[in-house]
C-alpha atoms as a PDB file:
ATOM      1  CA  MET A   1     -72.732  -6.549   7.007  1.00  0.00           C
ATOM      2  CA  GLN A   2     -72.009  -8.997   9.840  1.00  0.00           C
ATOM      3  CA  ASN A   3     -68.754 -10.888  10.139  1.00  0.00           C
ATOM      4  CA  LEU A   4     -68.789 -14.588   9.250  1.00  0.00           C
ATOM      5  CA  LYS A   5     -67.926 -17.072  12.003  1.00  0.00           C
ATOM      6  CA  LEU A   6     -66.181 -19.988  10.333  1.00  0.00           C
ATOM      7  CA  SER A   7     -65.068 -23.389  11.672  1.00  0.00           C
ATOM      8  CA  ILE A   8     -62.723 -25.782   9.861  1.00  0.00           C
ATOM      9  CA  ILE A   9     -62.137 -29.455  10.626  1.00  0.00           C
ATOM     10  CA  GLN A  10     -58.886 -30.964   9.340  1.00  0.00           C
ATOM     11  CA  THR A  11     -59.042 -34.704   9.993  1.00  0.00           C
ATOM     12  CA  ASP A  12     -57.854 -38.140   8.995  1.00  0.00           C
ATOM     13  CA  ILE A  13     -60.510 -40.254   7.255  1.00  0.00           C
ATOM     14  CA  PHE A  14     -61.241 -43.958   7.756  1.00  0.00           C
ATOM     15  CA  TRP A  15     -61.037 -45.519   4.314  1.00  0.00           C
ATOM     16  CA  GLU A  16     -64.455 -46.516   2.925  1.00  0.00           C
ATOM     17  CA  ASP A  17     -66.025 -46.647   6.400  1.00  0.00           C
ATOM     18  CA  ALA A  18     -68.884 -44.174   6.711  1.00  0.00           C
ATOM     19  CA  ASP A  19     -69.954 -45.362  10.154  1.00  0.00           C
ATOM     20  CA  LYS A  20     -66.541 -44.736  11.730  1.00  0.00           C
ATOM     21  CA  ASN A  21     -66.179 -41.395   9.986  1.00  0.00           C
ATOM     22  CA  LEU A  22     -69.573 -40.128  11.130  1.00  0.00           C
ATOM     23  CA  ILE A  23     -68.693 -41.028  14.716  1.00  0.00           C
ATOM     24  CA  ASN A  24     -65.311 -39.317  14.358  1.00  0.00           C
ATOM     25  CA  ILE A  25     -66.679 -36.122  12.812  1.00  0.00           C
ATOM     26  CA  ASP A  26     -69.553 -36.024  15.273  1.00  0.00           C
ATOM     27  CA  LYS A  27     -67.039 -35.831  18.127  1.00  0.00           C
ATOM     28  CA  LYS A  28     -64.978 -33.175  16.372  1.00  0.00           C
ATOM     29  CA  ILE A  29     -68.025 -31.011  15.711  1.00  0.00           C
ATOM     30  CA  ASN A  30     -69.071 -31.373  19.344  1.00  0.00           C
ATOM     31  CA  ASP A  31     -65.633 -30.055  20.295  1.00  0.00           C
ATOM     32  CA  ILE A  32     -66.513 -26.727  18.645  1.00  0.00           C
ATOM     33  CA  LYS A  33     -67.709 -24.796  21.676  1.00  0.00           C
ATOM     34  CA  GLU A  34     -67.924 -21.344  20.118  1.00  0.00           C
ATOM     35  CA  GLU A  35     -70.958 -20.192  18.186  1.00  0.00           C
ATOM     36  CA  THR A  36     -70.325 -20.624  14.480  1.00  0.00           C
ATOM     37  CA  ASP A  37     -72.110 -19.825  11.229  1.00  0.00           C
ATOM     38  CA  LEU A  38     -70.415 -22.378   8.988  1.00  0.00           C
ATOM     39  CA  ILE A  39     -68.543 -25.652   9.515  1.00  0.00           C
ATOM     40  CA  VAL A  40     -66.453 -26.919   6.587  1.00  0.00           C
ATOM     41  CA  LEU A  41     -65.357 -30.569   6.221  1.00  0.00           C
ATOM     42  CA  PRO A  42     -62.917 -32.187   3.737  1.00  0.00           C
ATOM     43  CA  GLU A  43     -63.972 -33.753   0.446  1.00  0.00           C
ATOM     44  CA  MET A  44     -65.771 -37.120   0.809  1.00  0.00           C
ATOM     45  CA  PHE A  45     -65.346 -36.847   4.561  1.00  0.00           C
ATOM     46  CA  ASN A  46     -67.379 -40.008   5.166  1.00  0.00           C
ATOM     47  CA  THR A  47     -65.417 -42.446   2.946  1.00  0.00           C
ATOM     48  CA  GLY A  48     -62.204 -40.870   1.745  1.00  0.00           C
ATOM     49  CA  PHE A  49     -61.655 -40.249  -1.961  1.00  0.00           C
ATOM     50  CA  SER A  50     -62.873 -43.649  -3.106  1.00  0.00           C
ATOM     51  CA  ILE A  51     -64.974 -43.997  -6.245  1.00  0.00           C
ATOM     52  CA  LYS A  52     -66.083 -47.568  -5.575  1.00  0.00           C
ATOM     53  CA  ASN A  53     -69.767 -47.018  -6.170  1.00  0.00           C
ATOM     54  CA  LYS A  54     -71.042 -50.204  -4.530  1.00  0.00           C
ATOM     55  CA  GLU A  55     -69.055 -49.651  -1.337  1.00  0.00           C
ATOM     56  CA  CYS A  56     -69.288 -45.874  -0.968  1.00  0.00           C
ATOM     57  CA  ALA A  57     -72.108 -44.239  -2.928  1.00  0.00           C
ATOM     58  CA  GLU A  58     -75.188 -43.208  -0.946  1.00  0.00           C
ATOM     59  CA  THR A  59     -78.591 -41.893  -1.918  1.00  0.00           C
ATOM     60  CA  MET A  60     -80.005 -38.468  -1.180  1.00  0.00           C
ATOM     61  CA  ASN A  61     -81.918 -40.055   1.681  1.00  0.00           C
ATOM     62  CA  GLY A  62     -78.951 -42.039   2.941  1.00  0.00           C
ATOM     63  CA  LYS A  63     -77.422 -42.039   6.395  1.00  0.00           C
ATOM     64  CA  THR A  64     -74.784 -39.380   5.685  1.00  0.00           C
ATOM     65  CA  VAL A  65     -77.185 -36.785   4.283  1.00  0.00           C
ATOM     66  CA  ASN A  66     -79.611 -37.412   7.123  1.00  0.00           C
ATOM     67  CA  TRP A  67     -76.767 -37.141   9.641  1.00  0.00           C
ATOM     68  CA  LEU A  68     -75.692 -33.796   8.112  1.00  0.00           C
ATOM     69  CA  LYS A  69     -79.238 -32.447   8.439  1.00  0.00           C
ATOM     70  CA  SER A  70     -79.471 -33.595  12.039  1.00  0.00           C
ATOM     71  CA  LYS A  71     -76.074 -32.143  12.949  1.00  0.00           C
ATOM     72  CA  ALA A  72     -76.726 -28.780  11.292  1.00  0.00           C
ATOM     73  CA  LYS A  73     -79.957 -28.502  13.272  1.00  0.00           C
ATOM     74  CA  GLU A  74     -78.206 -29.460  16.505  1.00  0.00           C
ATOM     75  CA  LYS A  75     -75.343 -26.949  16.013  1.00  0.00           C
ATOM     76  CA  LYS A  76     -77.649 -24.255  14.586  1.00  0.00           C
ATOM     77  CA  CYS A  77     -75.283 -23.542  11.720  1.00  0.00           C
ATOM     78  CA  VAL A  78     -74.589 -24.435   8.092  1.00  0.00           C
ATOM     79  CA  ILE A  79     -72.413 -27.482   7.388  1.00  0.00           C
ATOM     80  CA  ALA A  80     -70.564 -27.805   4.054  1.00  0.00           C
ATOM     81  CA  ALA A  81     -69.546 -31.368   3.192  1.00  0.00           C
ATOM     82  CA  SER A  82     -68.874 -33.481   0.098  1.00  0.00           C
ATOM     83  CA  VAL A  83     -70.494 -36.920  -0.305  1.00  0.00           C
ATOM     84  CA  PHE A  84     -70.373 -39.582  -3.056  1.00  0.00           C
ATOM     85  CA  ILE A  85     -74.010 -39.704  -4.228  1.00  0.00           C
ATOM     86  CA  LYS A  86     -76.027 -41.980  -6.505  1.00  0.00           C
ATOM     87  CA  GLU A  87     -79.056 -40.343  -8.099  1.00  0.00           C
ATOM     88  CA  ASN A  88     -81.113 -41.527 -11.083  1.00  0.00           C
ATOM     89  CA  ASN A  89     -78.436 -44.059 -12.067  1.00  0.00           C
ATOM     90  CA  ASN A  90     -75.761 -41.354 -12.094  1.00  0.00           C
ATOM     91  CA  PHE A  91     -73.006 -40.734  -9.567  1.00  0.00           C
ATOM     92  CA  TYR A  92     -71.833 -37.352  -8.284  1.00  0.00           C
ATOM     93  CA  ASN A  93     -69.166 -35.927  -6.026  1.00  0.00           C
ATOM     94  CA  ARG A  94     -71.677 -33.604  -4.383  1.00  0.00           C
ATOM     95  CA  LEU A  95     -71.012 -30.718  -2.017  1.00  0.00           C
ATOM     96  CA  PHE A  96     -73.933 -30.244   0.359  1.00  0.00           C
ATOM     97  CA  TRP A  97     -74.769 -26.884   1.938  1.00  0.00           C
ATOM     98  CA  VAL A  98     -76.962 -28.042   4.842  1.00  0.00           C
ATOM     99  CA  LYS A  99     -78.910 -25.448   6.824  1.00  0.00           C
ATOM    100  CA  PRO A 100     -80.150 -25.592  10.434  1.00  0.00           C
ATOM    101  CA  ASP A 101     -83.779 -25.834   9.297  1.00  0.00           C
ATOM    102  CA  GLY A 102     -83.065 -29.090   7.455  1.00  0.00           C
ATOM    103  CA  ASN A 103     -83.125 -27.591   3.972  1.00  0.00           C
ATOM    104  CA  PHE A 104     -80.068 -27.872   1.775  1.00  0.00           C
ATOM    105  CA  GLU A 105     -78.542 -26.896  -1.548  1.00  0.00           C
ATOM    106  CA  TYR A 106     -75.759 -28.642  -3.407  1.00  0.00           C
ATOM    107  CA  TYR A 107     -73.018 -28.283  -6.000  1.00  0.00           C
ATOM    108  CA  ASN A 108     -71.744 -31.157  -8.154  1.00  0.00           C
ATOM    109  CA  LYS A 109     -67.986 -31.243  -8.713  1.00  0.00           C
ATOM    110  CA  ARG A 110     -67.195 -29.865 -12.146  1.00  0.00           C
ATOM    111  CA  HIS A 111     -63.615 -30.986 -12.762  1.00  0.00           C
ATOM    112  CA  LEU A 112     -63.116 -34.721 -12.325  1.00  0.00           C
ATOM    113  CA  PHE A 113     -59.687 -36.084 -11.447  1.00  0.00           C
ATOM    114  CA  ARG A 114     -58.852 -38.332 -14.376  1.00  0.00           C
ATOM    115  CA  LEU A 115     -55.539 -39.492 -12.886  1.00  0.00           C
ATOM    116  CA  VAL A 116     -57.594 -41.942 -10.807  1.00  0.00           C
ATOM    117  CA  GLY A 117     -60.455 -42.319 -13.324  1.00  0.00           C
ATOM    118  CA  GLU A 118     -63.009 -40.209 -11.470  1.00  0.00           C
ATOM    119  CA  GLN A 119     -64.531 -39.197 -14.806  1.00  0.00           C
ATOM    120  CA  ASN A 120     -65.289 -42.845 -15.629  1.00  0.00           C
ATOM    121  CA  ILE A 121     -67.630 -43.203 -12.659  1.00  0.00           C
ATOM    122  CA  ILE A 122     -68.809 -39.744 -11.669  1.00  0.00           C
ATOM    123  CA  SER A 123     -70.862 -37.354 -13.790  1.00  0.00           C
ATOM    124  CA  GLU A 124     -69.488 -33.870 -14.359  1.00  0.00           C
ATOM    125  CA  GLY A 125     -71.257 -30.975 -12.678  1.00  0.00           C
ATOM    126  CA  LYS A 126     -72.816 -28.496 -15.089  1.00  0.00           C
ATOM    127  CA  GLU A 127     -73.729 -25.531 -12.911  1.00  0.00           C
ATOM    128  CA  ARG A 128     -71.770 -23.143 -10.749  1.00  0.00           C
ATOM    129  CA  LYS A 129     -73.622 -22.219  -7.559  1.00  0.00           C
ATOM    130  CA  ILE A 130     -73.539 -19.288  -5.146  1.00  0.00           C
ATOM    131  CA  PHE A 131     -74.778 -19.951  -1.614  1.00  0.00           C
ATOM    132  CA  LYS A 132     -75.636 -17.286   0.945  1.00  0.00           C
ATOM    133  CA  ILE A 133     -75.278 -16.926   4.674  1.00  0.00           C
ATOM    134  CA  LYS A 134     -75.656 -13.641   6.603  1.00  0.00           C
ATOM    135  CA  ASN A 135     -75.753 -11.961   3.164  1.00  0.00           C
ATOM    136  CA  TRP A 136     -72.263 -13.283   2.420  1.00  0.00           C
ATOM    137  CA  LYS A 137     -72.100 -14.774  -1.079  1.00  0.00           C
ATOM    138  CA  ILE A 138     -70.077 -17.991  -1.151  1.00  0.00           C
ATOM    139  CA  LEU A 139     -68.782 -20.027  -4.089  1.00  0.00           C
ATOM    140  CA  PRO A 140     -68.471 -23.757  -3.195  1.00  0.00           C
ATOM    141  CA  LEU A 141     -65.896 -25.844  -5.083  1.00  0.00           C
ATOM    142  CA  ILE A 142     -64.209 -29.230  -4.683  1.00  0.00           C
ATOM    143  CA  CYS A 143     -60.514 -30.158  -4.748  1.00  0.00           C
ATOM    144  CA  TYR A 144     -59.392 -30.442  -8.418  1.00  0.00           C
ATOM    145  CA  ASP A 145     -61.610 -27.431  -9.280  1.00  0.00           C
ATOM    146  CA  LEU A 146     -58.803 -25.361  -7.725  1.00  0.00           C
ATOM    147  CA  ARG A 147     -56.659 -25.841 -10.822  1.00  0.00           C
ATOM    148  CA  PHE A 148     -59.199 -24.189 -13.163  1.00  0.00           C
ATOM    149  CA  PRO A 149     -59.266 -20.408 -12.644  1.00  0.00           C
ATOM    150  CA  VAL A 150     -61.971 -19.674 -15.229  1.00  0.00           C
ATOM    151  CA  TRP A 151     -64.502 -21.795 -13.310  1.00  0.00           C
ATOM    152  CA  SER A 152     -63.808 -19.853 -10.118  1.00  0.00           C
ATOM    153  CA  LYS A 153     -63.489 -16.375 -11.675  1.00  0.00           C
ATOM    154  CA  ASN A 154     -65.355 -13.660  -9.804  1.00  0.00           C
ATOM    155  CA  ARG A 155     -67.492 -11.120 -11.663  1.00  0.00           C
ATOM    156  CA  PHE A 156     -68.320  -7.469 -11.002  1.00  0.00           C
ATOM    157  CA  ILE A 157     -71.834  -6.833 -12.302  1.00  0.00           C
ATOM    158  CA  ASN A 158     -74.160  -3.903 -11.544  1.00  0.00           C
ATOM    159  CA  ASN A 159     -71.695  -2.601  -8.958  1.00  0.00           C
ATOM    160  CA  GLU A 160     -71.693  -5.881  -7.045  1.00  0.00           C
ATOM    161  CA  TYR A 161     -69.198  -8.701  -6.708  1.00  0.00           C
ATOM    162  CA  GLU A 162     -70.631 -12.092  -7.554  1.00  0.00           C
ATOM    163  CA  TYR A 163     -69.181 -13.629  -4.379  1.00  0.00           C
ATOM    164  CA  ASP A 164     -67.135 -12.799  -1.282  1.00  0.00           C
ATOM    165  CA  LEU A 165     -65.675 -16.171  -0.312  1.00  0.00           C
ATOM    166  CA  ILE A 166     -64.606 -19.396  -2.053  1.00  0.00           C
ATOM    167  CA  ILE A 167     -64.528 -22.666  -0.130  1.00  0.00           C
ATOM    168  CA  TYR A 168     -62.555 -25.650  -1.438  1.00  0.00           C
ATOM    169  CA  LEU A 169     -63.210 -29.077   0.111  1.00  0.00           C
ATOM    170  CA  ALA A 170     -60.317 -31.366  -0.721  1.00  0.00           C
ATOM    171  CA  ASN A 171     -58.418 -34.639  -0.532  1.00  0.00           C
ATOM    172  CA  TRP A 172     -55.227 -33.042  -1.892  1.00  0.00           C
ATOM    173  CA  PRO A 173     -52.091 -35.256  -1.722  1.00  0.00           C
ATOM    174  CA  GLU A 174     -48.977 -34.109   0.126  1.00  0.00           C
ATOM    175  CA  PRO A 175     -46.638 -34.432  -2.912  1.00  0.00           C
ATOM    176  CA  ARG A 176     -48.595 -31.588  -4.568  1.00  0.00           C
ATOM    177  CA  LYS A 177     -48.917 -29.392  -1.475  1.00  0.00           C
ATOM    178  CA  TYR A 178     -46.885 -26.582  -3.089  1.00  0.00           C
ATOM    179  CA  SER A 179     -49.533 -26.266  -5.801  1.00  0.00           C
ATOM    180  CA  TRP A 180     -52.321 -26.379  -3.197  1.00  0.00           C
ATOM    181  CA  LYS A 181     -50.882 -23.539  -1.143  1.00  0.00           C
ATOM    182  CA  THR A 182     -49.903 -21.455  -4.169  1.00  0.00           C
ATOM    183  CA  LEU A 183     -53.211 -21.787  -5.999  1.00  0.00           C
ATOM    184  CA  LEU A 184     -55.306 -20.973  -2.925  1.00  0.00           C
ATOM    185  CA  LYS A 185     -53.440 -17.677  -2.635  1.00  0.00           C
ATOM    186  CA  ALA A 186     -53.726 -17.029  -6.364  1.00  0.00           C
ATOM    187  CA  ARG A 187     -57.508 -17.575  -6.347  1.00  0.00           C
ATOM    188  CA  ALA A 188     -57.840 -15.046  -3.502  1.00  0.00           C
ATOM    189  CA  ILE A 189     -55.738 -12.387  -5.224  1.00  0.00           C
ATOM    190  CA  GLU A 190     -57.297 -12.656  -8.668  1.00  0.00           C
ATOM    191  CA  ASN A 191     -60.885 -12.707  -7.331  1.00  0.00           C
ATOM    192  CA  GLN A 192     -60.595 -10.154  -4.506  1.00  0.00           C
ATOM    193  CA  ALA A 193     -62.235 -12.588  -2.121  1.00  0.00           C
ATOM    194  CA  TYR A 194     -61.474 -14.685   0.921  1.00  0.00           C
ATOM    195  CA  VAL A 195     -60.509 -18.280   0.138  1.00  0.00           C
ATOM    196  CA  VAL A 196     -60.849 -21.255   2.471  1.00  0.00           C
ATOM    197  CA  GLY A 197     -59.191 -24.595   1.694  1.00  0.00           C
ATOM    198  CA  VAL A 198     -60.045 -27.591   3.911  1.00  0.00           C
ATOM    199  CA  ASN A 199     -57.992 -30.709   3.319  1.00  0.00           C
ATOM    200  CA  ARG A 200     -57.641 -34.103   5.005  1.00  0.00           C
ATOM    201  CA  VAL A 201     -54.580 -35.603   6.688  1.00  0.00           C
ATOM    202  CA  GLY A 202     -53.342 -39.196   6.808  1.00  0.00           C
ATOM    203  CA  LYS A 203     -52.888 -41.972   4.247  1.00  0.00           C
ATOM    204  CA  ASP A 204     -55.750 -43.025   1.992  1.00  0.00           C
ATOM    205  CA  GLY A 205     -56.513 -46.513   0.700  1.00  0.00           C
ATOM    206  CA  PHE A 206     -53.919 -46.116  -2.059  1.00  0.00           C
ATOM    207  CA  GLY A 207     -51.188 -45.358   0.471  1.00  0.00           C
ATOM    208  CA  VAL A 208     -51.074 -41.683  -0.566  1.00  0.00           C
ATOM    209  CA  GLU A 209     -50.148 -39.254   2.222  1.00  0.00           C
ATOM    210  CA  HIS A 210     -52.119 -36.048   2.846  1.00  0.00           C
ATOM    211  CA  SER A 211     -50.598 -33.198   4.850  1.00  0.00           C
ATOM    212  CA  GLY A 212     -53.716 -31.113   5.316  1.00  0.00           C
ATOM    213  CA  ASP A 213     -52.363 -27.567   5.082  1.00  0.00           C
ATOM    214  CA  SER A 214     -55.904 -26.246   5.518  1.00  0.00           C
ATOM    215  CA  MET A 215     -55.984 -22.474   5.534  1.00  0.00           C
ATOM    216  CA  ILE A 216     -57.867 -19.222   5.191  1.00  0.00           C
ATOM    217  CA  VAL A 217     -56.426 -16.686   2.761  1.00  0.00           C
ATOM    218  CA  ASN A 218     -57.596 -13.078   2.645  1.00  0.00           C
ATOM    219  CA  TYR A 219     -58.355 -10.937  -0.412  1.00  0.00           C
ATOM    220  CA  ARG A 220     -54.690  -9.795  -0.540  1.00  0.00           C
ATOM    221  CA  GLY A 221     -53.479 -13.385  -0.807  1.00  0.00           C
ATOM    222  CA  ARG A 222     -52.161 -13.465   2.746  1.00  0.00           C
ATOM    223  CA  ILE A 223     -52.676 -16.528   4.916  1.00  0.00           C
ATOM    224  CA  ILE A 224     -54.561 -15.371   8.001  1.00  0.00           C
ATOM    225  CA  LYS A 225     -55.077 -18.798   9.586  1.00  0.00           C
ATOM    226  CA  GLU A 226     -53.645 -22.250   8.877  1.00  0.00           C
ATOM    227  CA  THR A 227     -53.368 -25.659  10.473  1.00  0.00           C
ATOM    228  CA  PRO A 228     -50.123 -27.463  11.301  1.00  0.00           C
ATOM    229  CA  PRO A 229     -49.412 -30.060   8.571  1.00  0.00           C
ATOM    230  CA  PHE A 230     -50.040 -33.760   9.260  1.00  0.00           C
ATOM    231  CA  THR A 231     -52.137 -32.861  12.313  1.00  0.00           C
ATOM    232  CA  GLU A 232     -55.819 -33.314  13.062  1.00  0.00           C
ATOM    233  CA  GLU A 233     -57.103 -29.935  14.176  1.00  0.00           C
ATOM    234  CA  ASN A 234     -60.203 -27.773  14.393  1.00  0.00           C
ATOM    235  CA  PHE A 235     -59.996 -24.017  14.232  1.00  0.00           C
ATOM    236  CA  ASN A 236     -62.365 -21.073  14.262  1.00  0.00           C
ATOM    237  CA  LYS A 237     -61.976 -17.698  12.591  1.00  0.00           C
ATOM    238  CA  ASN A 238     -64.123 -14.612  12.146  1.00  0.00           C
ATOM    239  CA  LEU A 239     -63.985 -13.125   8.653  1.00  0.00           C
ATOM    240  CA  SER A 240     -64.475  -9.361   8.426  1.00  0.00           C
ATOM    241  CA  TYR A 241     -66.749  -8.151   5.666  1.00  0.00           C
ATOM    242  CA  SER A 242     -65.931  -4.488   6.329  1.00  0.00           C
ATOM    243  CA  GLU A 243     -62.222  -5.128   5.742  1.00  0.00           C
ATOM    244  CA  LEU A 244     -63.004  -6.898   2.479  1.00  0.00           C
ATOM    245  CA  SER A 245     -65.328  -4.094   1.380  1.00  0.00           C
ATOM    246  CA  ASP A 246     -62.793  -1.383   2.237  1.00  0.00           C
ATOM    247  CA  PHE A 247     -60.091  -3.138   0.228  1.00  0.00           C
ATOM    248  CA  ARG A 248     -62.363  -3.511  -2.785  1.00  0.00           C
ATOM    249  CA  LYS A 249     -63.228   0.198  -2.650  1.00  0.00           C
ATOM    250  CA  TYR A 250     -59.554   1.113  -2.453  1.00  0.00           C
ATOM    251  CA  PHE A 251     -58.205  -1.319  -5.057  1.00  0.00           C
ATOM    252  CA  THR A 252     -60.841  -1.275  -7.789  1.00  0.00           C
ATOM    253  CA  VAL A 253     -59.474  -3.989 -10.051  1.00  0.00           C
ATOM    254  CA  GLY A 254     -62.967  -5.468 -10.318  1.00  0.00           C
ATOM    255  CA  LEU A 255     -63.956  -2.575 -12.579  1.00  0.00           C
ATOM    256  CA  ASP A 256     -61.386  -3.760 -15.126  1.00  0.00           C
ATOM    257  CA  TRP A 257     -62.102  -7.486 -15.093  1.00  0.00           C
ATOM    258  CA  ASP A 258     -62.813  -9.075 -18.463  1.00  0.00           C
ATOM    259  CA  LYS A 259     -66.405  -9.965 -19.244  1.00  0.00           C
ATOM    260  CA  TYR A 260     -66.892 -13.610 -20.201  1.00  0.00           C
ATOM    261  CA  ASN A 261     -69.284 -16.528 -20.405  1.00  0.00           C
ATOM    262  CA  ILE A 262     -68.456 -20.190 -19.880  1.00  0.00           C
ATOM    263  CA  ILE A 263     -69.556 -22.388 -22.772  1.00  0.00           C
ATOM    264  CA  GLN A 264     -70.782 -25.788 -21.593  1.00  0.00           C
END
């Protein structure tokens, strides 16, 4: 199995201004000079975490989705990004998995952040998804999903792990950074998988500060790459599948995981 070449963009976000954010992210993606398989952006990278549907929601054929398709083709890689979407009179916090050929898949955020009333505007996602790249199996999740371990729980079925990597796209506030860093490590340990958390920096429209603290955690729960807090930064990292596989063969906790089903 090939290694996965991963790129992370930790950035400030212009509040409710998709045009400025697309220009900003376009420049940051162009700064990635190495070949990469996957670029990961923060939650609602084009507007910030605003749930004003008239100002921020776009359609599936809107400028942000079309820009993502164009950029993935240009960079010849997958781009993972969350966008506030209106579809059939419903609204979703939707994570797009955009491929170089213009095709895409998506995951709708399951756990909605009721402290700001997200559940009053946005419809809850109903389906967990697994995306693939280079035969890596990847579980895409969004921000508040991090606090719900059952939704992210890995499975060992027919001698195979359900996934190898979790990615969390977030707008996670600085006052709760301890939880962010702790839970990312916990999700890696309990699921025997790599975990990537990509968070924004800067103040949002509510005046809430975000420190970023984007990181990659390995299957042992060790941070193998992280950004400086409060700093805009890109970084690249190769993830080793052979090291993950060797660890799973040595520490066979997956054989003893509980079997379960999630009841909708």
